[in-house]
C-alpha atoms as a PDB file:
ATOM      1  CA  MET A   1      40.186  44.209 -32.338  1.00  0.00           C
ATOM      2  CA  LYS A   2      38.408  40.857 -34.025  1.00  0.00           C
ATOM      3  CA  CYS A   3      41.287  38.923 -33.916  1.00  0.00           C
ATOM      4  CA  ALA A   4      38.972  35.622 -34.068  1.00  0.00           C
ATOM      5  CA  LEU A   5      37.749  36.905 -37.485  1.00  0.00           C
ATOM      6  CA  CYS A   6      40.880  37.331 -39.021  1.00  0.00           C
ATOM      7  CA  ASP A   7      42.141  34.679 -41.510  1.00  0.00           C
ATOM      8  CA  ILE A   8      45.903  36.019 -41.912  1.00  0.00           C
ATOM      9  CA  LYS A   9      47.154  36.019 -38.590  1.00  0.00           C
ATOM     10  CA  ASP A  10      50.280  37.783 -39.638  1.00  0.00           C
ATOM     11  CA  CYS A  11      51.353  38.650 -36.089  1.00  0.00           C
ATOM     12  CA  ARG A  12      52.719  35.299 -36.304  1.00  0.00           C
ATOM     13  CA  GLN A  13      55.197  36.720 -38.809  1.00  0.00           C
ATOM     14  CA  GLY A  14      55.953  39.875 -36.665  1.00  0.00           C
ATOM     15  CA  LYS A  15      53.095  42.215 -37.970  1.00  0.00           C
ATOM     16  CA  ASN A  16      51.734  44.831 -35.317  1.00  0.00           C
ATOM     17  CA  CYS A  17      48.082  45.541 -36.066  1.00  0.00           C
ATOM     18  CA  THR A  18      47.540  47.585 -32.884  1.00  0.00           C
ATOM     19  CA  LYS A  19      49.406  50.348 -30.942  1.00  0.00           C
ATOM     20  CA  THR A  20      47.991  49.120 -27.765  1.00  0.00           C
ATOM     21  CA  ALA A  21      50.077  45.870 -27.577  1.00  0.00           C
ATOM     22  CA  THR A  22      53.217  47.866 -27.954  1.00  0.00           C
ATOM     23  CA  ASP A  23      52.657  50.016 -24.605  1.00  0.00           C
ATOM     24  CA  ILE A  24      52.795  47.229 -22.259  1.00  0.00           C
ATOM     25  CA  ASP A  25      55.528  47.228 -19.570  1.00  0.00           C
ATOM     26  CA  TYR A  26      56.522  43.396 -19.621  1.00  0.00           C
ATOM     27  CA  ALA A  27      58.766  43.618 -16.785  1.00  0.00           C
ATOM     28  CA  PRO A  28      56.699  42.564 -13.835  1.00  0.00           C
ATOM     29  CA  ALA A  29      55.605  39.668 -16.251  1.00  0.00           C
ATOM     30  CA  LYS A  30      58.872  38.829 -17.417  1.00  0.00           C
ATOM     31  CA  GLU A  31      59.386  35.649 -15.300  1.00  0.00           C
ATOM     32  CA  THR A  32      56.016  34.121 -15.507  1.00  0.00           C
ATOM     33  CA  MET A  33      56.372  34.797 -19.275  1.00  0.00           C
ATOM     34  CA  ARG A  34      59.768  32.922 -19.642  1.00  0.00           C
ATOM     35  CA  ILE A  35      58.613  29.895 -17.704  1.00  0.00           C
ATOM     36  CA  ALA A  36      55.371  29.998 -19.678  1.00  0.00           C
ATOM     37  CA  SER A  37      57.328  29.990 -22.934  1.00  0.00           C
ATOM     38  CA  GLU A  38      59.437  26.957 -21.532  1.00  0.00           C
ATOM     39  CA  VAL A  39      56.593  25.007 -20.749  1.00  0.00           C
ATOM     40  CA  GLU A  40      54.881  25.906 -24.344  1.00  0.00           C
ATOM     41  CA  SER A  41      57.904  24.798 -26.026  1.00  0.00           C
ATOM     42  CA  ARG A  42      57.091  21.027 -24.944  1.00  0.00           C
ATOM     43  CA  TYR A  43      54.304  21.445 -27.391  1.00  0.00           C
ATOM     44  CA  MET A  44      52.390  18.242 -27.940  1.00  0.00           C
ATOM     45  CA  GLU A  45      54.210  16.422 -25.138  1.00  0.00           C
ATOM     46  CA  LEU A  46      52.634  16.874 -22.272  1.00  0.00           C
ATOM     47  CA  THR A  47      48.964  16.813 -20.693  1.00  0.00           C
ATOM     48  CA  ARG A  48      47.366  19.998 -19.191  1.00  0.00           C
ATOM     49  CA  LEU A  49      47.994  18.477 -15.970  1.00  0.00           C
ATOM     50  CA  GLU A  50      51.567  17.771 -16.475  1.00  0.00           C
ATOM     51  CA  GLU A  51      52.059  21.109 -17.770  1.00  0.00           C
ATOM     52  CA  LEU A  52      50.251  22.472 -14.572  1.00  0.00           C
ATOM     53  CA  ILE A  53      53.053  20.443 -12.459  1.00  0.00           C
ATOM     54  CA  LEU A  54      55.811  21.657 -14.665  1.00  0.00           C
ATOM     55  CA  PHE A  55      54.879  25.491 -14.346  1.00  0.00           C
ATOM     56  CA  CYS A  56      54.423  25.258 -10.631  1.00  0.00           C
ATOM     57  CA  LYS A  57      57.766  23.607 -10.072  1.00  0.00           C
ATOM     58  CA  LYS A  58      59.678  26.041 -12.355  1.00  0.00           C
ATOM     59  CA  MET A  59      58.086  28.965 -10.506  1.00  0.00           C
ATOM     60  CA  LYS A  60      59.145  27.679  -7.365  1.00  0.00           C
ATOM     61  CA  PHE A  61      55.503  27.559  -6.023  1.00  0.00           C
ATOM     62  CA  LYS A  62      55.165  25.483  -2.720  1.00  0.00           C
ATOM     63  CA  ARG A  63      51.550  26.274  -2.156  1.00  0.00           C
ATOM     64  CA  ILE A  64      48.658  25.273  -4.514  1.00  0.00           C
ATOM     65  CA  GLY A  65      44.871  25.877  -3.983  1.00  0.00           C
ATOM     66  CA  ILE A  66      41.974  23.777  -5.888  1.00  0.00           C
ATOM     67  CA  ALA A  67      38.465  25.401  -5.908  1.00  0.00           C
ATOM     68  CA  PHE A  68      36.365  22.743  -7.000  1.00  0.00           C
ATOM     69  CA  CYS A  69      32.577  22.052  -8.131  1.00  0.00           C
ATOM     70  CA  ILE A  70      31.096  19.378  -5.351  1.00  0.00           C
ATOM     71  CA  GLY A  71      30.093  17.576  -8.922  1.00  0.00           C
ATOM     72  CA  LEU A  72      33.790  16.818  -9.557  1.00  0.00           C
ATOM     73  CA  SER A  73      34.963  15.715  -6.343  1.00  0.00           C
ATOM     74  CA  ALA A  74      36.426  12.300  -7.518  1.00  0.00           C
ATOM     75  CA  GLU A  75      38.345  14.394 -10.157  1.00  0.00           C
ATOM     76  CA  ALA A  76      39.355  16.786  -7.334  1.00  0.00           C
ATOM     77  CA  ARG A  77      40.586  14.112  -5.037  1.00  0.00           C
ATOM     78  CA  ILE A  78      42.625  12.891  -8.055  1.00  0.00           C
ATOM     79  CA  VAL A  79      44.229  16.003  -8.717  1.00  0.00           C
ATOM     80  CA  HIS A  80      44.551  16.775  -5.217  1.00  0.00           C
ATOM     81  CA  GLU A  81      46.540  13.582  -4.456  1.00  0.00           C
ATOM     82  CA  ILE A  82      48.647  13.944  -7.694  1.00  0.00           C
ATOM     83  CA  LEU A  83      49.942  17.520  -6.899  1.00  0.00           C
ATOM     84  CA  ALA A  84      50.394  16.589  -3.136  1.00  0.00           C
ATOM     85  CA  ARG A  85      53.315  14.482  -4.293  1.00  0.00           C
ATOM     86  CA  ASP A  86      55.382  17.625  -4.978  1.00  0.00           C
ATOM     87  CA  PHE A  87      53.115  20.576  -3.174  1.00  0.00           C
ATOM     88  CA  GLU A  88      51.370  21.200  -0.145  1.00  0.00           C
ATOM     89  CA  VAL A  89      47.684  21.154  -1.536  1.00  0.00           C
ATOM     90  CA  HIS A  90      44.912  22.957  -0.077  1.00  0.00           C
ATOM     91  CA  SER A  91      41.153  22.091  -1.664  1.00  0.00           C
ATOM     92  CA  VAL A  92      37.931  23.582  -1.107  1.00  0.00           C
ATOM     93  CA  CYS A  93      34.790  22.095  -1.961  1.00  0.00           C
ATOM     94  CA  CYS A  94      32.061  25.113  -3.718  1.00  0.00           C
ATOM     95  CA  LYS A  95      29.594  24.296  -0.908  1.00  0.00           C
ATOM     96  CA  VAL A  96      31.720  25.189   1.827  1.00  0.00           C
ATOM     97  CA  GLY A  97      30.161  26.931   4.761  1.00  0.00           C
ATOM     98  CA  GLY A  98      26.905  25.193   3.982  1.00  0.00           C
ATOM     99  CA  THR A  99      25.054  28.379   3.615  1.00  0.00           C
ATOM    100  CA  ASP A 100      21.199  27.686   2.452  1.00  0.00           C
ATOM    101  CA  LYS A 101      20.372  29.688  -1.141  1.00  0.00           C
ATOM    102  CA  ASP A 102      17.292  31.238   0.968  1.00  0.00           C
ATOM    103  CA  ASP A 103      19.500  33.189   2.888  1.00  0.00           C
ATOM    104  CA  LEU A 104      20.772  35.236   0.009  1.00  0.00           C
ATOM    105  CA  GLU A 105      17.206  34.583  -1.894  1.00  0.00           C
ATOM    106  CA  LEU A 106      19.041  32.739  -4.704  1.00  0.00           C
ATOM    107  CA  VAL A 107      17.067  30.683  -7.289  1.00  0.00           C
ATOM    108  CA  LYS A 108      16.871  27.072  -6.637  1.00  0.00           C
ATOM    109  CA  ILE A 109      17.546  23.831  -8.814  1.00  0.00           C
ATOM    110  CA  MET A 110      15.557  21.374  -6.399  1.00  0.00           C
ATOM    111  CA  ASP A 111      12.229  21.883  -4.207  1.00  0.00           C
ATOM    112  CA  ALA A 112      11.751  25.615  -2.881  1.00  0.00           C
ATOM    113  CA  GLY A 113      10.913  24.586   0.080  1.00  0.00           C
ATOM    114  CA  ALA A 114      14.080  22.432   0.976  1.00  0.00           C
ATOM    115  CA  HIS A 115      17.307  23.361   2.076  1.00  0.00           C
ATOM    116  CA  GLU A 116      19.620  24.003  -0.882  1.00  0.00           C
ATOM    117  CA  THR A 117      23.338  25.074  -0.139  1.00  0.00           C
ATOM    118  CA  MET A 118      24.574  27.494  -2.252  1.00  0.00           C
ATOM    119  CA  CYS A 119      27.751  27.711  -4.065  1.00  0.00           C
ATOM    120  CA  ASN A 120      30.223  29.709  -2.269  1.00  0.00           C
ATOM    121  CA  PRO A 121      33.235  31.326  -4.480  1.00  0.00           C
ATOM    122  CA  LEU A 122      33.972  33.797  -2.192  1.00  0.00           C
ATOM    123  CA  GLY A 123      34.469  31.523   0.635  1.00  0.00           C
ATOM    124  CA  GLN A 124      36.322  29.257  -1.574  1.00  0.00           C
ATOM    125  CA  ALA A 125      38.529  32.366  -2.376  1.00  0.00           C
ATOM    126  CA  ALA A 126      38.713  33.542   1.683  1.00  0.00           C
ATOM    127  CA  ILE A 127      39.875  29.772   2.710  1.00  0.00           C
ATOM    128  CA  LEU A 128      42.630  29.903  -0.204  1.00  0.00           C
ATOM    129  CA  ASN A 129      43.624  33.185   0.772  1.00  0.00           C
ATOM    130  CA  ALA A 130      44.301  32.328   4.433  1.00  0.00           C
ATOM    131  CA  GLU A 131      46.045  29.536   3.578  1.00  0.00           C
ATOM    132  CA  GLY A 132      48.415  31.671   1.750  1.00  0.00           C
ATOM    133  CA  THR A 133      48.319  29.809  -1.609  1.00  0.00           C
ATOM    134  CA  GLU A 134      50.518  30.905  -4.247  1.00  0.00           C
ATOM    135  CA  LEU A 135      48.206  29.674  -7.381  1.00  0.00           C
ATOM    136  CA  ASN A 136      45.059  28.542  -7.402  1.00  0.00           C
ATOM    137  CA  ILE A 137      43.478  25.825  -9.705  1.00  0.00           C
ATOM    138  CA  ILE A 138      39.704  26.052 -10.684  1.00  0.00           C
ATOM    139  CA  LEU A 139      38.354  22.652 -11.450  1.00  0.00           C
ATOM    140  CA  GLY A 140      34.656  22.759 -12.777  1.00  0.00           C
ATOM    141  CA  LEU A 141      32.922  25.864 -11.089  1.00  0.00           C
ATOM    142  CA  CYS A 142      29.992  27.053 -12.504  1.00  0.00           C
ATOM    143  CA  ILE A 143      29.837  29.805 -14.925  1.00  0.00           C
ATOM    144  CA  GLY A 144      29.678  33.171 -12.798  1.00  0.00           C
ATOM    145  CA  HIS A 145      31.123  31.605  -9.623  1.00  0.00           C
ATOM    146  CA  ASP A 146      34.667  30.832 -11.729  1.00  0.00           C
ATOM    147  CA  ILE A 147      34.634  34.552 -12.284  1.00  0.00           C
ATOM    148  CA  LEU A 148      33.870  35.655  -9.103  1.00  0.00           C
ATOM    149  CA  PHE A 149      36.360  33.191  -7.247  1.00  0.00           C
ATOM    150  CA  THR A 150      39.073  34.628  -9.852  1.00  0.00           C
ATOM    151  CA  GLU A 151      38.237  38.014  -8.727  1.00  0.00           C
ATOM    152  CA  HIS A 152      38.483  37.559  -5.056  1.00  0.00           C
ATOM    153  CA  SER A 153      41.684  35.233  -5.190  1.00  0.00           C
ATOM    154  CA  ASP A 154      44.636  36.983  -3.806  1.00  0.00           C
ATOM    155  CA  ALA A 155      47.021  34.053  -6.020  1.00  0.00           C
ATOM    156  CA  PRO A 156      46.748  33.762  -9.685  1.00  0.00           C
ATOM    157  CA  VAL A 157      44.096  31.420 -11.169  1.00  0.00           C
ATOM    158  CA  THR A 158      44.537  29.020 -14.052  1.00  0.00           C
ATOM    159  CA  THR A 159      41.453  27.019 -14.874  1.00  0.00           C
ATOM    160  CA  LEU A 160      41.989  22.926 -15.267  1.00  0.00           C
ATOM    161  CA  ALA A 161      38.603  22.039 -16.109  1.00  0.00           C
ATOM    162  CA  VAL A 162      35.468  23.859 -16.719  1.00  0.00           C
ATOM    163  CA  LYS A 163      31.859  22.588 -15.895  1.00  0.00           C
ATOM    164  CA  ASP A 164      29.780  21.704 -18.873  1.00  0.00           C
ATOM    165  CA  ARG A 165      27.252  18.968 -17.780  1.00  0.00           C
ATOM    166  CA  VAL A 166      25.853  18.556 -21.181  1.00  0.00           C
ATOM    167  CA  LEU A 167      29.173  17.671 -22.961  1.00  0.00           C
ATOM    168  CA  ALA A 168      31.106  15.914 -20.229  1.00  0.00           C
ATOM    169  CA  HIS A 169      33.123  19.066 -19.190  1.00  0.00           C
ATOM    170  CA  ASN A 170      34.209  19.684 -22.754  1.00  0.00           C
ATOM    171  CA  PRO A 171      32.773  22.809 -23.790  1.00  0.00           C
ATOM    172  CA  LEU A 172      34.437  23.101 -27.363  1.00  0.00           C
ATOM    173  CA  GLY A 173      32.385  19.884 -28.222  1.00  0.00           C
ATOM    174  CA  ALA A 174      30.000  22.546 -29.105  1.00  0.00           C
ATOM    175  CA  VAL A 175      32.344  24.417 -31.282  1.00  0.00           C
ATOM    176  CA  TYR A 176      33.445  21.091 -32.781  1.00  0.00           C
ATOM    177  CA  SER A 177      29.918  19.819 -33.505  1.00  0.00           C
ATOM    178  CA  ARG A 178      28.298  20.562 -36.885  1.00  0.00           C
ATOM    179  CA  TYR A 179      25.053  19.846 -35.220  1.00  0.00           C
ATOM    180  CA  TYR A 180      25.543  22.270 -32.308  1.00  0.00           C
ATOM    181  CA  ARG A 181      26.966  24.939 -34.569  1.00  0.00           C
ATOM    182  CA  GLY A 182      24.143  24.474 -37.304  1.00  0.00           C
ATOM    183  CA  ASN A 183      20.958  23.513 -35.215  1.00  0.00           C
ATOM    184  CA  VAL A 184      21.651  25.210 -31.723  1.00  0.00           C
ATOM    185  CA  PHE A 185      23.533  28.275 -33.164  1.00  0.00           C
ATOM    186  CA  GLY A 186      22.321  28.689 -36.333  1.00  0.00           C
ATOM    187  CA  MET A 187      25.815  28.679 -38.230  1.00  0.00           C
ATOM    188  CA  LYS A 188      26.299  27.496 -41.657  1.00  0.00           C
ATOM    189  CA  SER A 189      28.699  24.615 -42.324  1.00  0.00           C
ATOM    190  CA  ARG A 190      32.379  25.089 -42.638  1.00  0.00           C
END
Protein backbone atom coordinates (compact mmCIF):
# COMPACT_ATOMS: atom_id res chain seq x y z
CA MET A 1 0.00 0.00 0.00
CA LYS A 2 1.09 3.53 -0.73
CA CYS A 3 -1.97 5.46 0.48
CA ALA A 4 0.10 8.59 1.13
CA LEU A 5 0.72 8.83 -2.63
CA CYS A 6 -2.95 8.31 -3.63
CA ASP A 7 -4.67 11.46 -4.93
CA ILE A 8 -8.15 9.92 -5.03
CA LYS A 9 -8.79 8.42 -1.56
CA ASP A 10 -11.93 6.61 -2.73
CA CYS A 11 -11.86 4.72 0.58
CA ARG A 12 -13.77 7.72 1.99
CA GLN A 13 -16.64 6.70 -0.28
CA GLY A 14 -16.44 3.02 0.70
CA LYS A 15 -14.04 1.63 -1.90
CA ASN A 16 -11.90 -1.25 -0.59
CA CYS A 17 -8.41 -1.25 -2.07
CA THR A 18 -7.12 -4.16 0.00
CA LYS A 19 -8.00 -7.66 1.08
CA THR A 20 -6.06 -7.46 4.37
CA ALA A 21 -8.19 -4.75 5.99
CA THR A 22 -11.32 -6.87 5.52
CA ASP A 23 -9.99 -9.83 7.53
CA ILE A 24 -9.66 -7.94 10.80
CA ASP A 25 -11.59 -8.93 13.93
CA TYR A 26 -12.72 -5.57 15.29
CA ALA A 27 -14.58 -7.03 18.29
CA PRO A 28 -11.75 -6.60 20.85
CA ALA A 29 -11.32 -2.94 19.86
CA LYS A 30 -14.98 -2.05 19.35
CA GLU A 31 -15.48 -0.06 22.58
CA THR A 32 -12.29 1.96 22.08
CA MET A 33 -13.23 2.56 18.45
CA ARG A 34 -16.75 3.67 19.49
CA ILE A 35 -15.39 6.18 21.99
CA ALA A 36 -12.67 7.38 19.61
CA SER A 37 -15.41 7.98 17.03
CA GLU A 38 -17.45 9.97 19.57
CA VAL A 39 -14.43 12.15 20.31
CA GLU A 40 -13.67 12.49 16.58
CA SER A 41 -17.25 13.67 16.01
CA ARG A 42 -16.34 16.83 17.96
CA TYR A 43 -14.15 17.74 14.94
CA MET A 44 -12.58 21.20 15.19
CA GLU A 45 -14.13 21.87 18.62
CA LEU A 46 -11.49 20.56 21.03
CA THR A 47 -7.73 20.80 21.41
CA ARG A 48 -5.77 17.55 21.57
CA LEU A 49 -5.50 17.92 25.35
CA GLU A 50 -9.27 18.38 25.65
CA GLU A 51 -9.81 15.35 23.40
CA LEU A 52 -7.46 13.33 25.59
CA ILE A 53 -9.42 14.24 28.73
CA LEU A 54 -12.76 13.47 27.09
CA PHE A 55 -11.46 10.14 25.75
CA CYS A 56 -10.14 9.12 29.17
CA LYS A 57 -13.43 10.03 30.88
CA LYS A 58 -15.49 8.10 28.34
CA MET A 59 -13.16 5.09 28.69
CA LYS A 60 -13.62 5.39 32.48
CA PHE A 61 -9.87 5.52 33.03
CA LYS A 62 -8.86 6.46 36.56
CA ARG A 63 -5.03 6.17 36.49
CA ILE A 64 -3.11 8.08 33.83
CA GLY A 65 0.66 8.03 33.31
CA ILE A 66 2.88 10.68 31.76
CA ALA A 67 6.34 9.75 30.43
CA PHE A 68 8.08 13.04 29.72
CA CYS A 69 11.39 14.50 28.63
CA ILE A 70 13.21 16.54 31.26
CA GLY A 71 13.43 19.33 28.66
CA LEU A 72 9.63 19.62 28.83
CA SER A 73 9.39 19.62 32.63
CA ALA A 74 7.38 22.85 32.75
CA GLU A 75 4.89 21.52 30.20
CA ALA A 76 4.69 18.17 32.02
CA ARG A 77 3.86 19.95 35.29
CA ILE A 78 1.00 21.85 33.63
CA VAL A 79 -0.37 18.73 31.91
CA HIS A 80 -0.06 16.77 35.18
CA GLU A 81 -1.97 19.47 37.08
CA ILE A 82 -4.70 19.69 34.44
CA LEU A 83 -5.18 15.90 34.30
CA ALA A 84 -5.09 15.61 38.11
CA ARG A 85 -8.40 17.48 38.23
CA ASP A 86 -10.11 14.35 36.91
CA PHE A 87 -7.64 11.47 37.25
CA GLU A 88 -4.98 9.94 39.45
CA VAL A 89 -1.84 10.96 37.57
CA HIS A 90 1.64 9.42 37.74
CA SER A 91 4.43 11.22 35.88
CA VAL A 92 7.96 9.96 35.24
CA CYS A 93 10.92 12.00 33.96
CA CYS A 94 13.19 10.51 31.29
CA LYS A 95 16.24 10.73 33.56
CA VAL A 96 14.66 8.52 36.25
CA GLY A 97 17.25 6.33 37.95
CA GLY A 98 20.17 8.68 37.30
CA THR A 99 22.17 6.05 35.37
CA ASP A 100 25.33 7.37 33.71
CA LYS A 101 25.59 6.83 29.97
CA ASP A 102 29.06 5.37 30.58
CA ASP A 103 27.43 2.40 32.34
CA LEU A 104 25.91 1.31 29.00
CA GLU A 105 28.62 2.80 26.79
CA LEU A 106 26.21 5.30 25.25
CA VAL A 107 27.24 8.33 23.21
CA LYS A 108 27.28 11.53 25.25
CA ILE A 109 26.08 14.97 24.24
CA MET A 110 28.41 16.81 26.60
CA ASP A 111 31.99 16.30 27.84
CA ALA A 112 32.98 12.65 27.52
CA GLY A 113 34.58 12.68 30.99
CA ALA A 114 31.61 14.13 32.91
CA HIS A 115 28.59 12.27 34.31
CA GLU A 116 25.70 12.40 31.86
CA THR A 117 22.49 10.69 32.88
CA MET A 118 20.93 8.55 30.19
CA CYS A 119 17.28 8.69 29.20
CA ASN A 120 15.53 5.68 30.66
CA PRO A 121 12.36 4.77 28.73
CA LEU A 122 12.42 1.22 30.09
CA GLY A 123 12.54 2.63 33.62
CA GLN A 124 9.68 5.01 32.83
CA ALA A 125 7.58 2.11 31.52
CA ALA A 126 8.44 -0.11 34.51
CA ILE A 127 7.41 2.59 36.98
CA LEU A 128 4.11 3.34 35.24
CA ASN A 129 3.45 -0.40 34.87
CA ALA A 130 3.97 -0.79 38.63
CA GLU A 131 1.53 2.09 39.23
CA GLY A 132 -1.10 0.26 37.18
CA THR A 133 -1.81 3.12 34.82
CA GLU A 134 -4.61 2.52 32.31
CA LEU A 135 -3.28 4.91 29.66
CA ASN A 136 0.19 6.40 29.28
CA ILE A 137 0.95 9.70 27.59
CA ILE A 138 4.24 10.50 25.89
CA LEU A 139 5.30 14.11 26.26
CA GLY A 140 8.42 14.90 24.23
CA LEU A 141 10.43 11.69 24.50
CA CYS A 142 13.36 11.40 22.08
CA ILE A 143 13.00 9.35 18.92
CA GLY A 144 13.82 5.76 19.80
CA HIS A 145 13.08 6.34 23.48
CA ASP A 146 9.41 6.83 22.57
CA ILE A 147 9.50 3.53 20.66
CA LEU A 148 11.07 1.68 23.58
CA PHE A 149 8.63 3.21 26.06
CA THR A 150 5.66 2.19 23.91
CA GLU A 151 7.05 -1.31 23.46
CA HIS A 152 7.51 -1.82 27.21
CA SER A 153 4.35 -0.10 28.48
CA ASP A 154 1.64 -2.45 29.71
CA ALA A 155 -1.00 0.24 29.16
CA PRO A 156 -1.91 1.68 25.76
CA VAL A 157 0.15 4.74 24.81
CA THR A 158 -0.78 8.00 23.11
CA THR A 159 1.47 10.92 22.20
CA LEU A 160 0.56 14.43 23.29
CA ALA A 161 3.73 16.05 21.93
CA VAL A 162 6.86 14.90 20.15
CA LYS A 163 10.30 16.38 20.58
CA ASP A 164 11.63 18.61 17.82
CA ARG A 165 14.09 21.06 19.33
CA VAL A 166 14.69 22.82 16.01
CA LEU A 167 11.02 23.50 15.23
CA ALA A 168 9.65 24.22 18.74
CA HIS A 169 8.27 20.67 19.05
CA ASN A 170 6.29 21.02 15.83
CA PRO A 171 7.79 18.41 13.47
CA LEU A 172 5.18 19.14 10.81
CA GLY A 173 6.82 22.54 10.43
CA ALA A 174 9.35 20.81 8.16
CA VAL A 175 6.49 19.49 6.03
CA TYR A 176 4.69 22.86 5.85
CA SER A 177 7.86 24.85 5.11
CA ARG A 178 8.83 25.25 1.44
CA TYR A 179 12.36 26.00 2.64
CA TYR A 180 12.72 22.64 4.39
CA ARG A 181 10.99 20.71 1.61
CA GLY A 182 13.20 22.28 -1.05
CA ASN A 183 16.55 22.97 0.59
CA VAL A 184 16.76 20.22 3.19
CA PHE A 185 14.80 17.40 1.56
CA GLY A 186 15.35 18.33 -2.12
CA MET A 187 11.66 18.25 -3.04
CA LYS A 188 10.07 20.32 -5.78
CA SER A 189 7.58 23.03 -4.77
CA ARG A 190 3.93 22.08 -4.52
